[in-house]
Amino acid sequence: MSPVLMSLYRAFSDNLIPPMGRLVTGDAQPYQYLVESIRKFPAPVAFSGMIGAAGFKRVTHTPYSGNIAALFSAWKI
C-alpha cells in the first residue's frame, strides 16, 4: 500500500469508524476492536504462507483498493 493511501486509511479507520459505530449502535468499542484487529492481520504474503503451511495448494491473493482489501483463494482436496 502506498504511504499516502496508508495514512488516509489510518486516519479514516481511527477517526471515523468507531464514531460511526457509536452513532449507529450506541457503542464504539466493537468498532475500535475491528480497527485494531484489521491492523494486526498478517500481510498478504505472510497470510498466503500461513494458508500454504496449513496444507492448501495453489494459494493466490488478489489485492483491491491499493491492498486495503484482498481476496485469497486456495485449493485443498
C-alpha atoms as a PDB file:
ATOM      1  CA  MET A   1       0.000   0.000   0.000  1.00  0.00           C
ATOM      2  CA  SER A   2       1.360   3.418  -0.849  1.00  0.00           C
ATOM      3  CA  PRO A   3       2.316   5.632   2.115  1.00  0.00           C
ATOM      4  CA  VAL A   4      -0.272   8.264   1.135  1.00  0.00           C
ATOM      5  CA  LEU A   5      -3.075   5.698   0.895  1.00  0.00           C
ATOM      6  CA  MET A   6      -1.921   4.116   4.168  1.00  0.00           C
ATOM      7  CA  SER A   7      -2.102   7.425   6.020  1.00  0.00           C
ATOM      8  CA  LEU A   8      -5.549   8.214   4.567  1.00  0.00           C
ATOM      9  CA  TYR A   9      -6.828   4.763   5.506  1.00  0.00           C
ATOM     10  CA  ARG A  10      -5.430   5.019   9.044  1.00  0.00           C
ATOM     11  CA  ALA A  11      -6.996   8.451   9.509  1.00  0.00           C
ATOM     12  CA  PHE A  12     -10.344   7.112   8.276  1.00  0.00           C
ATOM     13  CA  SER A  13     -10.238   3.952  10.354  1.00  0.00           C
ATOM     14  CA  ASP A  14      -9.054   5.664  13.549  1.00  0.00           C
ATOM     15  CA  ASN A  15     -11.209   8.777  13.377  1.00  0.00           C
ATOM     16  CA  LEU A  16     -14.377   7.711  11.583  1.00  0.00           C
ATOM     17  CA  ILE A  17     -15.129   4.003  12.017  1.00  0.00           C
ATOM     18  CA  PRO A  18     -15.516   3.939  15.844  1.00  0.00           C
ATOM     19  CA  PRO A  19     -17.583   7.172  15.973  1.00  0.00           C
ATOM     20  CA  MET A  20     -19.811   5.911  13.147  1.00  0.00           C
ATOM     21  CA  GLY A  21     -20.275   2.671  15.079  1.00  0.00           C
ATOM     22  CA  ARG A  22     -21.247   4.644  18.181  1.00  0.00           C
ATOM     23  CA  LEU A  23     -23.716   6.678  16.133  1.00  0.00           C
ATOM     24  CA  VAL A  24     -25.351   3.597  14.602  1.00  0.00           C
ATOM     25  CA  THR A  25     -25.232   1.129  17.509  1.00  0.00           C
ATOM     26  CA  GLY A  26     -24.525   3.269  20.554  1.00  0.00           C
ATOM     27  CA  ASP A  27     -21.189   1.526  21.202  1.00  0.00           C
ATOM     28  CA  ALA A  28     -17.828   2.433  19.642  1.00  0.00           C
ATOM     29  CA  GLN A  29     -15.780  -0.318  21.347  1.00  0.00           C
ATOM     30  CA  PRO A  30     -16.571  -3.163  18.903  1.00  0.00           C
ATOM     31  CA  TYR A  31     -15.579  -0.900  16.028  1.00  0.00           C
ATOM     32  CA  GLN A  32     -12.360   0.120  17.749  1.00  0.00           C
ATOM     33  CA  TYR A  33     -11.631  -3.600  18.185  1.00  0.00           C
ATOM     34  CA  LEU A  34     -12.351  -4.098  14.468  1.00  0.00           C
ATOM     35  CA  VAL A  35      -9.851  -1.385  13.513  1.00  0.00           C
ATOM     36  CA  GLU A  36      -7.205  -2.884  15.801  1.00  0.00           C
ATOM     37  CA  SER A  37      -7.760  -6.447  14.586  1.00  0.00           C
ATOM     38  CA  ILE A  38      -7.533  -5.365  10.946  1.00  0.00           C
ATOM     39  CA  ARG A  39      -4.220  -3.666  11.746  1.00  0.00           C
ATOM     40  CA  LYS A  40      -2.874  -6.865  13.346  1.00  0.00           C
ATOM     41  CA  PHE A  41      -3.910  -9.114  10.448  1.00  0.00           C
ATOM     42  CA  PRO A  42      -0.867 -10.581   8.667  1.00  0.00           C
ATOM     43  CA  ALA A  43       0.387  -9.015   5.446  1.00  0.00           C
ATOM     44  CA  PRO A  44      -0.949 -10.750   2.309  1.00  0.00           C
ATOM     45  CA  VAL A  45       2.295 -12.598   1.542  1.00  0.00           C
ATOM     46  CA  ALA A  46       2.582 -13.807   5.149  1.00  0.00           C
ATOM     47  CA  PHE A  47      -1.077 -14.866   5.242  1.00  0.00           C
ATOM     48  CA  SER A  48      -0.674 -16.743   1.942  1.00  0.00           C
ATOM     49  CA  GLY A  49       2.290 -18.555   3.528  1.00  0.00           C
ATOM     50  CA  MET A  50       0.149 -19.481   6.535  1.00  0.00           C
ATOM     51  CA  ILE A  51      -2.536 -20.866   4.234  1.00  0.00           C
ATOM     52  CA  GLY A  52       0.086 -22.901   2.375  1.00  0.00           C
ATOM     53  CA  ALA A  53       1.555 -24.165   5.646  1.00  0.00           C
ATOM     54  CA  ALA A  54      -1.944 -25.375   6.603  1.00  0.00           C
ATOM     55  CA  GLY A  55      -1.846 -27.725   3.614  1.00  0.00           C
ATOM     56  CA  PHE A  56      -3.592 -25.673   0.946  1.00  0.00           C
ATOM     57  CA  LYS A  57      -2.226 -25.587  -2.617  1.00  0.00           C
ATOM     58  CA  ARG A  58      -2.439 -23.036  -5.418  1.00  0.00           C
ATOM     59  CA  VAL A  59      -2.654 -20.177  -2.918  1.00  0.00           C
ATOM     60  CA  THR A  60      -3.213 -16.793  -4.515  1.00  0.00           C
ATOM     61  CA  HIS A  61      -4.291 -13.384  -3.366  1.00  0.00           C
ATOM     62  CA  THR A  62      -5.699 -10.509  -5.360  1.00  0.00           C
ATOM     63  CA  PRO A  63      -5.282  -7.059  -3.823  1.00  0.00           C
ATOM     64  CA  TYR A  64      -8.053  -4.479  -4.099  1.00  0.00           C
ATOM     65  CA  SER A  65      -8.114  -0.754  -3.369  1.00  0.00           C
ATOM     66  CA  GLY A  66      -4.377  -0.406  -3.044  1.00  0.00           C
ATOM     67  CA  ASN A  67      -4.186  -3.551  -0.894  1.00  0.00           C
ATOM     68  CA  ILE A  68      -6.663  -2.273   1.687  1.00  0.00           C
ATOM     69  CA  ALA A  69      -8.561  -5.486   0.972  1.00  0.00           C
ATOM     70  CA  ALA A  70      -7.523  -8.747  -0.648  1.00  0.00           C
ATOM     71  CA  LEU A  71      -9.266 -11.850  -1.908  1.00  0.00           C
ATOM     72  CA  PHE A  72      -7.478 -15.094  -1.020  1.00  0.00           C
ATOM     73  CA  SER A  73      -8.020 -18.319  -2.894  1.00  0.00           C
ATOM     74  CA  ALA A  74      -6.598 -21.798  -2.275  1.00  0.00           C
ATOM     75  CA  TRP A  75      -7.307 -25.435  -3.005  1.00  0.00           C
ATOM     76  CA  LYS A  76      -7.431 -28.329  -0.588  1.00  0.00           C
ATOM     77  CA  ILE A  77      -8.608 -31.647  -1.900  1.00  0.00           C
END
